Amino acid sequence: MKITDYYRDAANLNLNGSMAALIPIVLIVAGNLFFLQNQEIIVFTIPFFLYSFLCFQLYLLRKRQSISINRKMVSREYVKNGHTLFSSRHFLVLFLNCQSPKLLFFLPDGQLAGSITKYKANGPFKLNRYRMFHLQNEQDETIGYFKVQGKKQIRIQVFDKAQTYLGCMVKTKDKWRESKEEFLDESGKYIGAVHGSRVFMDEKIINQSNRQVSRLRRGWMPVEWSHLFPEPNTPVLSFEGKLSDQERMLRMSFLINEYFIER
């Protein structure tokens, strides 16, 4: 999968939304013609028409973006750099809000590095699929699992592909409704926390020494990436190079809360 495929899929979702909004319009008009015969009823079609029009405009925008990006990728000589979800330092994070929501991680060259999706209970974890997520690489191979527990106190447990427990992220709220997100290793020892902004997306991951090891922020995408990522507010996820694969996977658990729980 490439970034052009993301914009194509997003375009199709908007087109489906536009067409779905036409259904109540047809039902209202047909019902009025054959049964009610009241012209004032037509007013109720206006919100559906506006929504359909908006979705169609978004479809045209995403379609143009997909075609433009595809042309740029074809014109550029692509050299596989070998970067993966565990070796690259920077990723562009895009959320595809479809029937089965996906969080996609793209490399700056437009290639897919991995994804997080809801986990269907047909594998090693026989659990509620709506509280289970799995991390996949660019070849759609599962390389990790996230298990979400609790409501008032949310605990996101992390497992590698061999189902070995790596640790968890715990989110709690105090009496002032302030959130606190902390990382614990497999023995329950504190190893870091999430420091975020209330106003805009800028989530900093620190370790036990109060040193930043990862960051997710919006609005700081380098200009040289804009030829493949036309939206300047595309979130960028960055990691320090010293993190091991297991440590990186454990820190990525905060994305489950950021995209699948809070949203």
C-alpha atoms as a PDB file:
ATOM      1  CA  MET A   1       0.000   0.000   0.000  1.00  0.00           C
ATOM      2  CA  LYS A   2       1.133   3.527  -0.801  1.00  0.00           C
ATOM      3  CA  ILE A   3      -0.056   6.960   0.241  1.00  0.00           C
ATOM      4  CA  THR A   4      -1.903   7.297  -3.064  1.00  0.00           C
ATOM      5  CA  ASP A   5      -3.997   4.245  -2.083  1.00  0.00           C
ATOM      6  CA  TYR A   6      -4.954   5.957   1.171  1.00  0.00           C
ATOM      7  CA  TYR A   7      -6.329   9.011  -0.637  1.00  0.00           C
ATOM      8  CA  ARG A   8      -8.125   6.775  -3.130  1.00  0.00           C
ATOM      9  CA  ASP A   9      -9.787   4.827  -0.306  1.00  0.00           C
ATOM     10  CA  ALA A  10     -10.669   8.069   1.481  1.00  0.00           C
ATOM     11  CA  ALA A  11     -12.234   9.353  -1.748  1.00  0.00           C
ATOM     12  CA  ASN A  12     -14.355   6.219  -2.089  1.00  0.00           C
ATOM     13  CA  LEU A  13     -15.552   6.567   1.513  1.00  0.00           C
ATOM     14  CA  ASN A  14     -16.702  10.126   0.821  1.00  0.00           C
ATOM     15  CA  LEU A  15     -18.428   9.006  -2.368  1.00  0.00           C
ATOM     16  CA  ASN A  16     -20.272   6.284  -0.443  1.00  0.00           C
ATOM     17  CA  GLY A  17     -21.329   8.860   2.147  1.00  0.00           C
ATOM     18  CA  SER A  18     -22.602  11.167  -0.587  1.00  0.00           C
ATOM     19  CA  MET A  19     -24.663   8.409  -2.166  1.00  0.00           C
ATOM     20  CA  ALA A  20     -26.008   7.206   1.182  1.00  0.00           C
ATOM     21  CA  ALA A  21     -27.261  10.718   1.984  1.00  0.00           C
ATOM     22  CA  LEU A  22     -29.394  10.621  -1.185  1.00  0.00           C
ATOM     23  CA  ILE A  23     -31.451   7.696   0.106  1.00  0.00           C
ATOM     24  CA  PRO A  24     -33.483   9.669   2.694  1.00  0.00           C
ATOM     25  CA  ILE A  25     -34.003  12.401   0.084  1.00  0.00           C
ATOM     26  CA  VAL A  26     -35.559   9.871  -2.298  1.00  0.00           C
ATOM     27  CA  LEU A  27     -37.701   8.406   0.495  1.00  0.00           C
ATOM     28  CA  ILE A  28     -38.963  11.810   1.640  1.00  0.00           C
ATOM     29  CA  VAL A  29     -39.767  12.965  -1.899  1.00  0.00           C
ATOM     30  CA  ALA A  30     -41.460   9.675  -2.819  1.00  0.00           C
ATOM     31  CA  GLY A  31     -43.435   9.593   0.416  1.00  0.00           C
ATOM     32  CA  ASN A  32     -44.591  13.155  -0.117  1.00  0.00           C
ATOM     33  CA  LEU A  33     -45.663  12.534  -3.733  1.00  0.00           C
ATOM     34  CA  PHE A  34     -47.641   9.371  -3.058  1.00  0.00           C
ATOM     35  CA  PHE A  35     -48.927   9.858   0.485  1.00  0.00           C
ATOM     36  CA  LEU A  36     -48.469  13.196   2.270  1.00  0.00           C
ATOM     37  CA  GLN A  37     -48.587  15.631  -0.651  1.00  0.00           C
ATOM     38  CA  ASN A  38     -47.285  18.464   1.520  1.00  0.00           C
ATOM     39  CA  GLN A  39     -44.694  20.763  -0.051  1.00  0.00           C
ATOM     40  CA  GLU A  40     -43.347  21.854   3.335  1.00  0.00           C
ATOM     41  CA  ILE A  41     -42.031  18.334   3.931  1.00  0.00           C
ATOM     42  CA  ILE A  42     -39.419  18.931   1.216  1.00  0.00           C
ATOM     43  CA  VAL A  43     -37.591  21.242   3.649  1.00  0.00           C
ATOM     44  CA  PHE A  44     -36.412  18.150   5.542  1.00  0.00           C
ATOM     45  CA  THR A  45     -34.371  17.093   2.515  1.00  0.00           C
ATOM     46  CA  ILE A  46     -32.098  20.158   2.725  1.00  0.00           C
ATOM     47  CA  PRO A  47     -29.703  18.825   5.447  1.00  0.00           C
ATOM     48  CA  PHE A  48     -29.278  15.537   3.570  1.00  0.00           C
ATOM     49  CA  PHE A  49     -28.670  17.379   0.302  1.00  0.00           C
ATOM     50  CA  LEU A  50     -26.024  19.624   1.898  1.00  0.00           C
ATOM     51  CA  TYR A  51     -24.284  16.638   3.474  1.00  0.00           C
ATOM     52  CA  SER A  52     -24.328  14.762   0.164  1.00  0.00           C
ATOM     53  CA  PHE A  53     -22.924  17.800  -1.663  1.00  0.00           C
ATOM     54  CA  LEU A  54     -20.145  18.238   0.921  1.00  0.00           C
ATOM     55  CA  CYS A  55     -19.174  14.549   0.759  1.00  0.00           C
ATOM     56  CA  PHE A  56     -19.070  14.697  -3.034  1.00  0.00           C
ATOM     57  CA  GLN A  57     -16.773  17.727  -2.967  1.00  0.00           C
ATOM     58  CA  LEU A  58     -14.478  15.873  -0.555  1.00  0.00           C
ATOM     59  CA  TYR A  59     -14.564  12.892  -2.910  1.00  0.00           C
ATOM     60  CA  LEU A  60     -13.415  15.092  -5.812  1.00  0.00           C
ATOM     61  CA  LEU A  61     -10.664  16.602  -3.649  1.00  0.00           C
ATOM     62  CA  ARG A  62      -9.338  13.219  -2.466  1.00  0.00           C
ATOM     63  CA  LYS A  63      -9.545  11.833  -5.989  1.00  0.00           C
ATOM     64  CA  ARG A  64      -7.483  14.712  -7.379  1.00  0.00           C
ATOM     65  CA  GLN A  65      -4.957  14.294  -4.565  1.00  0.00           C
ATOM     66  CA  SER A  66      -4.647  10.564  -5.260  1.00  0.00           C
ATOM     67  CA  ILE A  67      -4.044  11.123  -8.988  1.00  0.00           C
ATOM     68  CA  SER A  68      -1.554  13.939  -8.373  1.00  0.00           C
ATOM     69  CA  ILE A  69       0.427  11.940  -5.788  1.00  0.00           C
ATOM     70  CA  ASN A  70       0.493   8.880  -8.048  1.00  0.00           C
ATOM     71  CA  ARG A  71       1.975  10.938 -10.883  1.00  0.00           C
ATOM     72  CA  LYS A  72       4.667  12.307  -8.572  1.00  0.00           C
ATOM     73  CA  MET A  73       5.554   8.859  -7.285  1.00  0.00           C
ATOM     74  CA  VAL A  74       5.790   7.475 -10.818  1.00  0.00           C
ATOM     75  CA  SER A  75       8.001  10.345 -11.953  1.00  0.00           C
ATOM     76  CA  ARG A  76      10.394   9.873  -9.025  1.00  0.00           C
ATOM     77  CA  GLU A  77      12.832   7.004  -9.055  1.00  0.00           C
ATOM     78  CA  TYR A  78      11.902   4.873  -6.074  1.00  0.00           C
ATOM     79  CA  VAL A  79      14.748   3.180  -4.237  1.00  0.00           C
ATOM     80  CA  LYS A  80      13.810   0.808  -1.436  1.00  0.00           C
ATOM     81  CA  ASN A  81      15.664   2.065   1.623  1.00  0.00           C
ATOM     82  CA  GLY A  82      14.884  -0.896   3.869  1.00  0.00           C
ATOM     83  CA  HIS A  83      13.221   1.227   6.550  1.00  0.00           C
ATOM     84  CA  THR A  84      10.569  -0.536   8.588  1.00  0.00           C
ATOM     85  CA  LEU A  85       8.230   0.194  11.460  1.00  0.00           C
ATOM     86  CA  PHE A  86      11.059  -0.498  13.888  1.00  0.00           C
ATOM     87  CA  SER A  87      13.970   1.096  12.027  1.00  0.00           C
ATOM     88  CA  SER A  88      12.646   4.412  10.729  1.00  0.00           C
ATOM     89  CA  ARG A  89      12.638   7.433  13.018  1.00  0.00           C
ATOM     90  CA  HIS A  90       9.768   9.346  11.410  1.00  0.00           C
ATOM     91  CA  PHE A  91       6.285   8.331  10.301  1.00  0.00           C
ATOM     92  CA  LEU A  92       3.294  10.200   8.964  1.00  0.00           C
ATOM     93  CA  VAL A  93       0.176   9.006  10.767  1.00  0.00           C
ATOM     94  CA  LEU A  94      -3.154   8.854   8.933  1.00  0.00           C
ATOM     95  CA  PHE A  95      -6.460   7.550  10.294  1.00  0.00           C
ATOM     96  CA  LEU A  96      -8.852   5.831   7.889  1.00  0.00           C
ATOM     97  CA  ASN A  97     -12.299   6.020   9.472  1.00  0.00           C
ATOM     98  CA  CYS A  98     -14.108   3.210   7.681  1.00  0.00           C
ATOM     99  CA  GLN A  99     -16.200   0.240   8.831  1.00  0.00           C
ATOM    100  CA  SER A 100     -13.037  -1.231  10.308  1.00  0.00           C
ATOM    101  CA  PRO A 101     -10.984   1.849  11.327  1.00  0.00           C
ATOM    102  CA  LYS A 102      -7.264   1.759  10.580  1.00  0.00           C
ATOM    103  CA  LEU A 103      -4.335   3.773  11.831  1.00  0.00           C
ATOM    104  CA  LEU A 104      -1.715   3.851   9.074  1.00  0.00           C
ATOM    105  CA  PHE A 105       1.994   4.643   9.374  1.00  0.00           C
ATOM    106  CA  PHE A 106       3.640   5.940   6.207  1.00  0.00           C
ATOM    107  CA  LEU A 107       7.306   6.581   5.550  1.00  0.00           C
ATOM    108  CA  PRO A 108       8.253   9.999   4.121  1.00  0.00           C
ATOM    109  CA  ASP A 109       8.674   8.336   0.683  1.00  0.00           C
ATOM    110  CA  GLY A 110       4.959   7.439   0.645  1.00  0.00           C
ATOM    111  CA  GLN A 111       5.355   3.724   1.367  1.00  0.00           C
ATOM    112  CA  LEU A 112       3.305   2.033   4.072  1.00  0.00           C
ATOM    113  CA  ALA A 113       5.351   0.929   7.092  1.00  0.00           C
ATOM    114  CA  GLY A 114       2.585  -0.607   9.186  1.00  0.00           C
ATOM    115  CA  SER A 115      -0.870  -0.221  10.673  1.00  0.00           C
ATOM    116  CA  ILE A 116      -3.008  -0.719  13.764  1.00  0.00           C
ATOM    117  CA  THR A 117      -6.473  -2.219  13.360  1.00  0.00           C
ATOM    118  CA  LYS A 118      -9.102  -3.855  15.513  1.00  0.00           C
ATOM    119  CA  TYR A 119      -8.322  -7.486  16.095  1.00  0.00           C
ATOM    120  CA  LYS A 120     -10.816 -10.172  15.108  1.00  0.00           C
ATOM    121  CA  ALA A 121     -11.080 -12.936  17.675  1.00  0.00           C
ATOM    122  CA  ASN A 122     -10.019 -15.795  15.391  1.00  0.00           C
ATOM    123  CA  GLY A 123      -6.410 -16.088  16.481  1.00  0.00           C
ATOM    124  CA  PRO A 124      -4.481 -16.723  19.719  1.00  0.00           C
ATOM    125  CA  PHE A 125      -6.536 -14.199  21.710  1.00  0.00           C
ATOM    126  CA  LYS A 126     -10.141 -15.360  22.171  1.00  0.00           C
ATOM    127  CA  LEU A 127     -11.297 -12.011  23.513  1.00  0.00           C
ATOM    128  CA  ASN A 128     -13.766  -9.279  22.701  1.00  0.00           C
ATOM    129  CA  ARG A 129     -12.563  -8.007  19.334  1.00  0.00           C
ATOM    130  CA  TYR A 130     -13.679  -4.473  20.130  1.00  0.00           C
ATOM    131  CA  ARG A 131     -11.145  -4.297  22.976  1.00  0.00           C
ATOM    132  CA  MET A 132      -8.297  -5.884  21.053  1.00  0.00           C
ATOM    133  CA  PHE A 133      -5.974  -4.374  18.447  1.00  0.00           C
ATOM    134  CA  HIS A 134      -3.019  -5.691  16.514  1.00  0.00           C
ATOM    135  CA  LEU A 135       0.024  -4.048  15.035  1.00  0.00           C
ATOM    136  CA  GLN A 136       0.926  -5.127  11.507  1.00  0.00           C
ATOM    137  CA  ASN A 137       3.954  -4.490   9.331  1.00  0.00           C
ATOM    138  CA  GLU A 138       3.968  -3.387   5.685  1.00  0.00           C
ATOM    139  CA  GLN A 139       3.186  -6.964   4.588  1.00  0.00           C
ATOM    140  CA  ASP A 140       0.088  -7.181   6.835  1.00  0.00           C
ATOM    141  CA  GLU A 141       1.849  -9.590   9.187  1.00  0.00           C
ATOM    142  CA  THR A 142       0.908  -9.255  12.863  1.00  0.00           C
ATOM    143  CA  ILE A 143       3.905  -8.198  14.933  1.00  0.00           C
ATOM    144  CA  GLY A 144       2.166  -7.146  18.146  1.00  0.00           C
ATOM    145  CA  TYR A 145      -1.062  -6.982  20.113  1.00  0.00           C
ATOM    146  CA  PHE A 146      -2.753  -4.360  22.290  1.00  0.00           C
ATOM    147  CA  LYS A 147      -5.326  -5.451  24.870  1.00  0.00           C
ATOM    148  CA  VAL A 148      -7.543  -2.705  26.341  1.00  0.00           C
ATOM    149  CA  GLN A 149      -9.029  -3.163  29.811  1.00  0.00           C
ATOM    150  CA  GLY A 150     -11.130  -0.972  32.078  1.00  0.00           C
ATOM    151  CA  LYS A 151     -13.186   2.186  31.615  1.00  0.00           C
ATOM    152  CA  LYS A 152     -12.485   4.588  34.492  1.00  0.00           C
ATOM    153  CA  GLN A 153      -8.881   3.424  34.632  1.00  0.00           C
ATOM    154  CA  ILE A 154      -7.769   2.324  31.184  1.00  0.00           C
ATOM    155  CA  ARG A 155      -4.983  -0.219  30.959  1.00  0.00           C
ATOM    156  CA  ILE A 156      -3.521  -1.011  27.533  1.00  0.00           C
ATOM    157  CA  GLN A 157      -1.423  -4.169  27.728  1.00  0.00           C
ATOM    158  CA  VAL A 158       1.178  -4.818  25.027  1.00  0.00           C
ATOM    159  CA  PHE A 159       2.286  -8.198  23.664  1.00  0.00           C
ATOM    160  CA  ASP A 160       4.770  -9.055  20.942  1.00  0.00           C
ATOM    161  CA  LYS A 161       3.980 -11.467  18.098  1.00  0.00           C
ATOM    162  CA  ALA A 162       4.921 -14.438  20.322  1.00  0.00           C
ATOM    163  CA  GLN A 163       2.294 -13.250  22.860  1.00  0.00           C
ATOM    164  CA  THR A 164       5.004 -12.280  25.357  1.00  0.00           C
ATOM    165  CA  TYR A 165       3.833  -9.557  27.734  1.00  0.00           C
ATOM    166  CA  LEU A 166       5.957  -6.405  27.332  1.00  0.00           C
ATOM    167  CA  GLY A 167       4.243  -3.987  29.692  1.00  0.00           C
ATOM    168  CA  CYS A 168       1.339  -1.569  29.583  1.00  0.00           C
ATOM    169  CA  MET A 169       0.142   2.009  29.520  1.00  0.00           C
ATOM    170  CA  VAL A 170      -2.169   3.056  32.353  1.00  0.00           C
ATOM    171  CA  LYS A 171      -4.465   6.066  32.030  1.00  0.00           C
ATOM    172  CA  THR A 172      -6.081   7.456  35.180  1.00  0.00           C
ATOM    173  CA  LYS A 173      -8.026  10.593  36.071  1.00  0.00           C
ATOM    174  CA  ASP A 174      -7.883  12.500  39.352  1.00  0.00           C
ATOM    175  CA  LYS A 175     -10.732  14.358  41.063  1.00  0.00           C
ATOM    176  CA  TRP A 176     -10.125  17.375  38.806  1.00  0.00           C
ATOM    177  CA  ARG A 177     -10.602  15.175  35.722  1.00  0.00           C
ATOM    178  CA  GLU A 178      -6.963  15.566  34.799  1.00  0.00           C
ATOM    179  CA  SER A 179      -5.617  12.609  32.823  1.00  0.00           C
ATOM    180  CA  LYS A 180      -2.334  10.889  33.609  1.00  0.00           C
ATOM    181  CA  GLU A 181      -0.811   8.350  31.215  1.00  0.00           C
ATOM    182  CA  GLU A 182       2.104   6.263  32.437  1.00  0.00           C
ATOM    183  CA  PHE A 183       4.096   3.347  30.997  1.00  0.00           C
ATOM    184  CA  LEU A 184       4.952   0.293  33.088  1.00  0.00           C
ATOM    185  CA  ASP A 185       7.288  -2.533  32.079  1.00  0.00           C
ATOM    186  CA  GLU A 186       6.481  -6.244  32.380  1.00  0.00           C
ATOM    187  CA  SER A 187       7.323  -6.181  36.110  1.00  0.00           C
ATOM    188  CA  GLY A 188       5.110  -3.144  36.800  1.00  0.00           C
ATOM    189  CA  LYS A 189       7.997  -0.670  37.111  1.00  0.00           C
ATOM    190  CA  TYR A 190       7.445   2.930  35.943  1.00  0.00           C
ATOM    191  CA  ILE A 191       9.398   3.635  32.746  1.00  0.00           C
ATOM    192  CA  GLY A 192       7.827   6.822  31.377  1.00  0.00           C
ATOM    193  CA  ALA A 193       4.747   8.909  30.713  1.00  0.00           C
ATOM    194  CA  VAL A 194       2.827  10.927  28.125  1.00  0.00           C
ATOM    195  CA  HIS A 195       2.851  14.712  28.352  1.00  0.00           C
ATOM    196  CA  GLY A 196       0.270  16.262  26.028  1.00  0.00           C
ATOM    197  CA  SER A 197      -1.243  19.594  25.087  1.00  0.00           C
ATOM    198  CA  ARG A 198      -4.907  20.419  25.608  1.00  0.00           C
ATOM    199  CA  VAL A 199      -5.041  22.925  22.755  1.00  0.00           C
ATOM    200  CA  PHE A 200      -3.459  21.018  19.856  1.00  0.00           C
ATOM    201  CA  MET A 201      -1.912  17.642  19.087  1.00  0.00           C
ATOM    202  CA  ASP A 202       1.550  17.556  20.616  1.00  0.00           C
ATOM    203  CA  GLU A 203       2.106  14.398  22.641  1.00  0.00           C
ATOM    204  CA  LYS A 204       5.567  13.890  24.141  1.00  0.00           C
ATOM    205  CA  ILE A 205       6.687  10.500  25.432  1.00  0.00           C
ATOM    206  CA  ILE A 206       9.319  10.732  28.169  1.00  0.00           C
ATOM    207  CA  ASN A 207      11.279   7.998  29.936  1.00  0.00           C
ATOM    208  CA  GLN A 208      11.968   7.541  33.645  1.00  0.00           C
ATOM    209  CA  SER A 209      14.797  10.076  33.379  1.00  0.00           C
ATOM    210  CA  ASN A 210      12.378  12.694  32.016  1.00  0.00           C
ATOM    211  CA  ARG A 211      14.045  12.502  28.604  1.00  0.00           C
ATOM    212  CA  GLN A 212      11.935  12.634  25.435  1.00  0.00           C
ATOM    213  CA  VAL A 213      11.989   9.364  23.476  1.00  0.00           C
ATOM    214  CA  SER A 214       9.023   9.874  21.142  1.00  0.00           C
ATOM    215  CA  ARG A 215       6.653  12.585  19.967  1.00  0.00           C
ATOM    216  CA  LEU A 216       3.415  12.907  18.032  1.00  0.00           C
ATOM    217  CA  ARG A 217       2.540  16.353  16.763  1.00  0.00           C
ATOM    218  CA  ARG A 218       0.451  18.027  14.108  1.00  0.00           C
ATOM    219  CA  GLY A 219       1.454  21.013  11.981  1.00  0.00           C
ATOM    220  CA  TRP A 220       5.227  20.343  11.910  1.00  0.00           C
ATOM    221  CA  MET A 221       5.542  18.285   8.759  1.00  0.00           C
ATOM    222  CA  PRO A 222       8.750  19.131   6.831  1.00  0.00           C
ATOM    223  CA  VAL A 223       8.144  20.996   3.568  1.00  0.00           C
ATOM    224  CA  GLU A 224      10.070  18.414   1.528  1.00  0.00           C
ATOM    225  CA  TRP A 225       7.421  15.800   2.356  1.00  0.00           C
ATOM    226  CA  SER A 226       4.519  17.912   1.080  1.00  0.00           C
ATOM    227  CA  HIS A 227       4.799  16.657  -2.526  1.00  0.00           C
ATOM    228  CA  LEU A 228       3.411  13.296  -1.346  1.00  0.00           C
ATOM    229  CA  PHE A 229       1.442  14.484   1.698  1.00  0.00           C
ATOM    230  CA  PRO A 230      -0.560  17.540   0.573  1.00  0.00           C
ATOM    231  CA  GLU A 231      -2.106  18.235   3.984  1.00  0.00           C
ATOM    232  CA  PRO A 232       0.384  20.212   6.121  1.00  0.00           C
ATOM    233  CA  ASN A 233      -1.411  19.178   9.324  1.00  0.00           C
ATOM    234  CA  THR A 234      -0.675  15.497   8.800  1.00  0.00           C
ATOM    235  CA  PRO A 235       0.527  14.198  12.224  1.00  0.00           C
ATOM    236  CA  VAL A 236       4.177  13.158  12.428  1.00  0.00           C
ATOM    237  CA  LEU A 237       5.322  10.449  14.847  1.00  0.00           C
ATOM    238  CA  SER A 238       9.025  10.491  15.753  1.00  0.00           C
ATOM    239  CA  PHE A 239      11.179   8.089  17.768  1.00  0.00           C
ATOM    240  CA  GLU A 240      14.642   8.205  19.252  1.00  0.00           C
ATOM    241  CA  GLY A 241      16.943   5.711  17.583  1.00  0.00           C
ATOM    242  CA  LYS A 242      18.075   4.076  20.841  1.00  0.00           C
ATOM    243  CA  LEU A 243      14.733   2.377  21.552  1.00  0.00           C
ATOM    244  CA  SER A 244      14.558  -1.382  21.042  1.00  0.00           C
ATOM    245  CA  ASP A 245      11.731  -2.950  19.033  1.00  0.00           C
ATOM    246  CA  GLN A 246       9.936  -3.959  22.238  1.00  0.00           C
ATOM    247  CA  GLU A 247      10.377  -0.521  23.808  1.00  0.00           C
ATOM    248  CA  ARG A 248       9.069   1.179  20.688  1.00  0.00           C
ATOM    249  CA  MET A 249       6.037  -1.109  20.537  1.00  0.00           C
ATOM    250  CA  LEU A 250       5.237  -0.406  24.191  1.00  0.00           C
ATOM    251  CA  ARG A 251       5.369   3.367  23.619  1.00  0.00           C
ATOM    252  CA  MET A 252       3.076   3.012  20.607  1.00  0.00           C
ATOM    253  CA  SER A 253       0.273   1.882  22.941  1.00  0.00           C
ATOM    254  CA  PHE A 254      -0.614   5.519  23.608  1.00  0.00           C
ATOM    255  CA  LEU A 255      -1.842   5.708  19.999  1.00  0.00           C
ATOM    256  CA  ILE A 256      -4.653   3.296  20.894  1.00  0.00           C
ATOM    257  CA  ASN A 257      -5.928   5.801  23.437  1.00  0.00           C
ATOM    258  CA  GLU A 258      -5.288   8.777  21.156  1.00  0.00           C
ATOM    259  CA  TYR A 259      -7.112   7.461  18.073  1.00  0.00           C
ATOM    260  CA  PHE A 260      -9.394   4.579  19.032  1.00  0.00           C
ATOM    261  CA  ILE A 261     -10.579   5.491  22.552  1.00  0.00           C
ATOM    262  CA  GLU A 262     -10.620   9.291  22.888  1.00  0.00           C
ATOM    263  CA  ARG A 263     -11.913   9.760  19.355  1.00  0.00           C
END
